[in-house]
N, C-alpha and C. Protein backbone atom coordinates (compact mmCIF):
# COMPACT_ATOMS: atom_id res chain seq x y z
N MET A 1 72.06 71.82 112.10
CA MET A 1 71.72 73.22 112.29
C MET A 1 72.29 74.01 111.10
N ILE A 2 71.58 75.04 110.73
CA ILE A 2 71.99 75.89 109.62
C ILE A 2 71.79 77.34 110.04
N GLU A 3 72.69 78.19 109.59
CA GLU A 3 72.58 79.61 109.91
C GLU A 3 72.03 80.34 108.69
N VAL A 4 70.94 81.09 108.89
CA VAL A 4 70.29 81.80 107.79
C VAL A 4 70.08 83.26 108.15
N ARG A 5 70.04 84.10 107.12
CA ARG A 5 69.63 85.50 107.27
C ARG A 5 68.24 85.60 106.66
N MET A 6 67.30 86.05 107.44
CA MET A 6 65.92 86.14 106.97
C MET A 6 65.77 87.29 105.98
N LEU A 7 65.09 87.03 104.87
CA LEU A 7 64.80 88.04 103.86
C LEU A 7 63.39 88.59 104.04
N LYS A 8 62.55 87.81 104.71
CA LYS A 8 61.17 88.19 104.94
C LYS A 8 60.81 87.75 106.36
N THR A 9 60.04 88.55 107.07
CA THR A 9 59.61 88.17 108.42
C THR A 9 58.59 87.03 108.31
N MET A 10 58.89 85.93 108.99
CA MET A 10 58.05 84.74 108.91
C MET A 10 57.93 84.09 110.29
N ASP A 11 56.82 83.38 110.48
CA ASP A 11 56.66 82.55 111.67
C ASP A 11 57.11 81.14 111.33
N GLY A 12 57.65 80.44 112.31
CA GLY A 12 58.07 79.07 112.10
C GLY A 12 58.24 78.37 113.43
N SER A 13 58.20 77.05 113.39
CA SER A 13 58.33 76.25 114.60
C SER A 13 59.62 75.44 114.54
N PRO A 14 60.58 75.75 115.40
CA PRO A 14 61.85 75.02 115.37
C PRO A 14 61.74 73.61 115.95
N ASP A 15 60.69 73.36 116.76
CA ASP A 15 60.60 72.06 117.44
C ASP A 15 59.23 71.40 117.34
N GLY A 16 58.30 71.99 116.58
CA GLY A 16 56.96 71.43 116.43
C GLY A 16 56.04 71.73 117.60
N MET A 17 56.53 72.48 118.58
CA MET A 17 55.71 72.78 119.76
C MET A 17 55.48 74.28 119.94
N ARG A 18 56.46 75.07 119.67
CA ARG A 18 56.30 76.52 119.85
C ARG A 18 56.55 77.21 118.51
N VAL A 19 55.95 78.37 118.34
CA VAL A 19 56.08 79.13 117.11
C VAL A 19 56.84 80.42 117.42
N ASN A 20 57.87 80.68 116.63
CA ASN A 20 58.67 81.91 116.78
C ASN A 20 58.48 82.77 115.55
N THR A 21 58.65 84.07 115.72
CA THR A 21 58.67 84.99 114.59
C THR A 21 60.12 85.30 114.27
N TYR A 22 60.50 85.06 113.03
CA TYR A 22 61.86 85.30 112.56
C TYR A 22 61.84 86.58 111.73
N GLN A 23 62.56 87.60 112.21
CA GLN A 23 62.51 88.94 111.62
C GLN A 23 63.44 89.07 110.41
N ALA A 24 62.95 89.76 109.38
CA ALA A 24 63.76 90.03 108.19
C ALA A 24 65.02 90.79 108.59
N GLY A 25 66.15 90.40 108.01
CA GLY A 25 67.43 91.06 108.28
C GLY A 25 68.21 90.45 109.41
N GLN A 26 67.57 89.62 110.23
CA GLN A 26 68.25 89.00 111.36
C GLN A 26 68.84 87.64 110.96
N VAL A 27 69.89 87.24 111.67
CA VAL A 27 70.54 85.95 111.42
C VAL A 27 70.13 85.00 112.53
N TYR A 28 69.73 83.78 112.14
CA TYR A 28 69.29 82.77 113.10
C TYR A 28 69.98 81.45 112.80
N THR A 29 70.24 80.68 113.84
CA THR A 29 70.69 79.30 113.70
C THR A 29 69.46 78.43 113.92
N LEU A 30 69.09 77.69 112.87
CA LEU A 30 67.84 76.94 112.88
C LEU A 30 68.10 75.46 112.63
N PRO A 31 67.14 74.61 113.04
CA PRO A 31 67.23 73.20 112.65
C PRO A 31 67.22 73.10 111.12
N ASP A 32 67.88 72.08 110.59
CA ASP A 32 68.01 71.93 109.14
C ASP A 32 66.67 71.93 108.42
N ASP A 33 65.65 71.26 108.99
CA ASP A 33 64.38 71.18 108.28
C ASP A 33 63.70 72.55 108.18
N LEU A 34 63.66 73.32 109.25
CA LEU A 34 63.04 74.64 109.21
C LEU A 34 63.86 75.60 108.35
N GLY A 35 65.18 75.60 108.53
CA GLY A 35 66.03 76.44 107.71
C GLY A 35 65.90 76.10 106.23
N GLY A 36 65.78 74.80 105.93
CA GLY A 36 65.61 74.37 104.54
C GLY A 36 64.34 74.89 103.91
N VAL A 37 63.24 74.90 104.67
CA VAL A 37 61.98 75.45 104.17
C VAL A 37 62.16 76.94 103.86
N PHE A 38 62.73 77.68 104.79
CA PHE A 38 62.94 79.11 104.58
C PHE A 38 63.80 79.36 103.34
N LEU A 39 64.83 78.54 103.14
CA LEU A 39 65.70 78.70 101.97
C LEU A 39 64.96 78.36 100.68
N ARG A 40 64.26 77.22 100.64
CA ARG A 40 63.56 76.79 99.42
C ARG A 40 62.47 77.78 99.01
N GLU A 41 61.81 78.36 99.99
CA GLU A 41 60.72 79.30 99.69
C GLU A 41 61.25 80.70 99.35
N GLY A 42 62.55 80.92 99.54
CA GLY A 42 63.12 82.24 99.24
C GLY A 42 62.91 83.25 100.35
N TRP A 43 62.56 82.77 101.53
CA TRP A 43 62.33 83.66 102.66
C TRP A 43 63.61 83.95 103.43
N ALA A 44 64.67 83.21 103.12
CA ALA A 44 65.95 83.38 103.82
C ALA A 44 67.07 83.01 102.86
N GLU A 45 68.27 83.44 103.22
CA GLU A 45 69.47 83.03 102.49
C GLU A 45 70.45 82.45 103.49
N GLU A 46 71.25 81.50 103.01
CA GLU A 46 72.21 80.89 103.92
C GLU A 46 73.27 81.91 104.31
N GLN A 47 73.58 81.95 105.59
CA GLN A 47 74.61 82.85 106.11
C GLN A 47 75.92 82.10 106.05
N VAL A 48 76.81 82.56 105.19
CA VAL A 48 78.09 81.88 105.01
C VAL A 48 79.18 82.72 105.65
N CYS A 49 79.98 82.08 106.46
CA CYS A 49 81.11 82.74 107.10
C CYS A 49 82.31 82.61 106.18
N GLU A 50 82.85 83.75 105.75
CA GLU A 50 84.02 83.71 104.88
C GLU A 50 85.27 83.46 105.71
N VAL A 51 86.10 82.56 105.21
CA VAL A 51 87.35 82.25 105.88
C VAL A 51 88.47 82.59 104.92
N SER A 52 89.38 83.45 105.34
CA SER A 52 90.51 83.80 104.48
C SER A 52 91.65 82.82 104.73
N ASP A 53 92.55 82.78 103.78
CA ASP A 53 93.71 81.90 103.90
C ASP A 53 94.66 82.53 104.90
N VAL A 54 94.70 81.98 106.08
CA VAL A 54 95.51 82.57 107.14
C VAL A 54 97.00 82.28 106.98
N SER A 55 97.36 81.39 106.05
CA SER A 55 98.78 81.08 105.88
C SER A 55 99.54 82.26 105.28
N GLU A 56 98.82 83.18 104.62
CA GLU A 56 99.48 84.33 104.00
C GLU A 56 99.44 85.56 104.89
N VAL A 57 98.80 85.47 106.03
CA VAL A 57 98.66 86.62 106.91
C VAL A 57 99.76 86.58 107.96
N GLU A 58 100.47 87.68 108.07
CA GLU A 58 101.53 87.79 109.08
C GLU A 58 100.86 88.13 110.41
N PRO A 59 101.08 87.34 111.45
CA PRO A 59 100.44 87.64 112.74
C PRO A 59 100.97 88.94 113.33
N GLU A 60 100.09 89.64 114.01
CA GLU A 60 100.51 90.87 114.69
C GLU A 60 101.36 90.49 115.89
N ARG A 61 102.41 91.22 116.07
CA ARG A 61 103.29 90.97 117.20
C ARG A 61 103.23 92.21 118.11
N PRO A 62 102.57 92.08 119.24
CA PRO A 62 102.47 93.24 120.12
C PRO A 62 103.83 93.62 120.68
N GLU A 63 104.00 94.91 120.89
CA GLU A 63 105.25 95.37 121.49
C GLU A 63 105.22 95.03 122.97
N LEU A 64 106.24 94.34 123.40
CA LEU A 64 106.33 93.95 124.80
C LEU A 64 107.19 94.96 125.55
N PRO A 65 106.81 95.29 126.77
CA PRO A 65 107.64 96.22 127.55
C PRO A 65 108.96 95.55 127.91
N GLU A 66 109.95 96.38 128.14
CA GLU A 66 111.25 95.86 128.56
C GLU A 66 111.07 95.13 129.89
N PRO A 67 111.72 93.99 130.06
CA PRO A 67 111.56 93.27 131.32
C PRO A 67 112.16 94.06 132.48
N THR A 68 111.53 93.98 133.61
CA THR A 68 112.02 94.64 134.81
C THR A 68 113.09 93.75 135.44
N PRO A 69 114.28 94.32 135.69
CA PRO A 69 115.32 93.47 136.29
C PRO A 69 114.91 93.03 137.69
N ALA A 70 115.32 91.84 138.03
CA ALA A 70 115.02 91.31 139.36
C ALA A 70 115.82 92.10 140.40
N PRO A 71 115.24 92.33 141.57
CA PRO A 71 115.98 93.07 142.60
C PRO A 71 117.20 92.26 143.05
N LYS A 72 118.27 93.00 143.33
CA LYS A 72 119.50 92.34 143.77
C LYS A 72 119.35 91.93 145.22
N ARG A 73 119.81 90.72 145.50
CA ARG A 73 119.72 90.21 146.87
C ARG A 73 121.09 90.34 147.52
N THR A 74 121.08 90.81 148.73
CA THR A 74 122.34 90.87 149.47
C THR A 74 122.46 89.59 150.28
N PRO A 75 123.63 88.99 150.26
CA PRO A 75 123.78 87.73 150.99
C PRO A 75 123.62 87.96 152.49
N THR A 76 123.00 87.03 153.14
CA THR A 76 122.85 87.12 154.59
C THR A 76 123.89 86.19 155.21
N PRO A 77 124.47 86.59 156.33
CA PRO A 77 125.49 85.75 156.96
C PRO A 77 124.89 84.41 157.38
N SER A 78 125.69 83.40 157.25
CA SER A 78 125.25 82.05 157.62
C SER A 78 125.18 81.94 159.14
N LYS A 79 124.20 81.24 159.63
CA LYS A 79 124.06 81.06 161.08
C LYS A 79 124.73 79.77 161.51
N ARG A 80 125.32 79.05 160.58
CA ARG A 80 126.00 77.81 160.91
C ARG A 80 127.33 78.09 161.60
N GLY A 81 127.74 77.22 162.41
CA GLY A 81 129.06 77.31 163.01
C GLY A 81 129.13 78.26 164.18
N LYS A 82 128.10 78.74 164.69
CA LYS A 82 128.15 79.63 165.85
C LYS A 82 127.94 78.88 167.10
């Protein structure tokens, strides 16, 4: 599968059975053979996802609320020995 951005509105068949209209400006994930035709003919361009180097990015640290102290328990008298 290949992701392309259509440059021209074109019809194409992703499976050899049905025909879809692919609109200019839209991004589609297509089978390699159909996407390859669109690319070779200049009707689409490959949609590339840019990945930045995350090793240099400091992760955001959300501010956490102060923890709520647990309620104090009062000891209950033992029922043993009665």
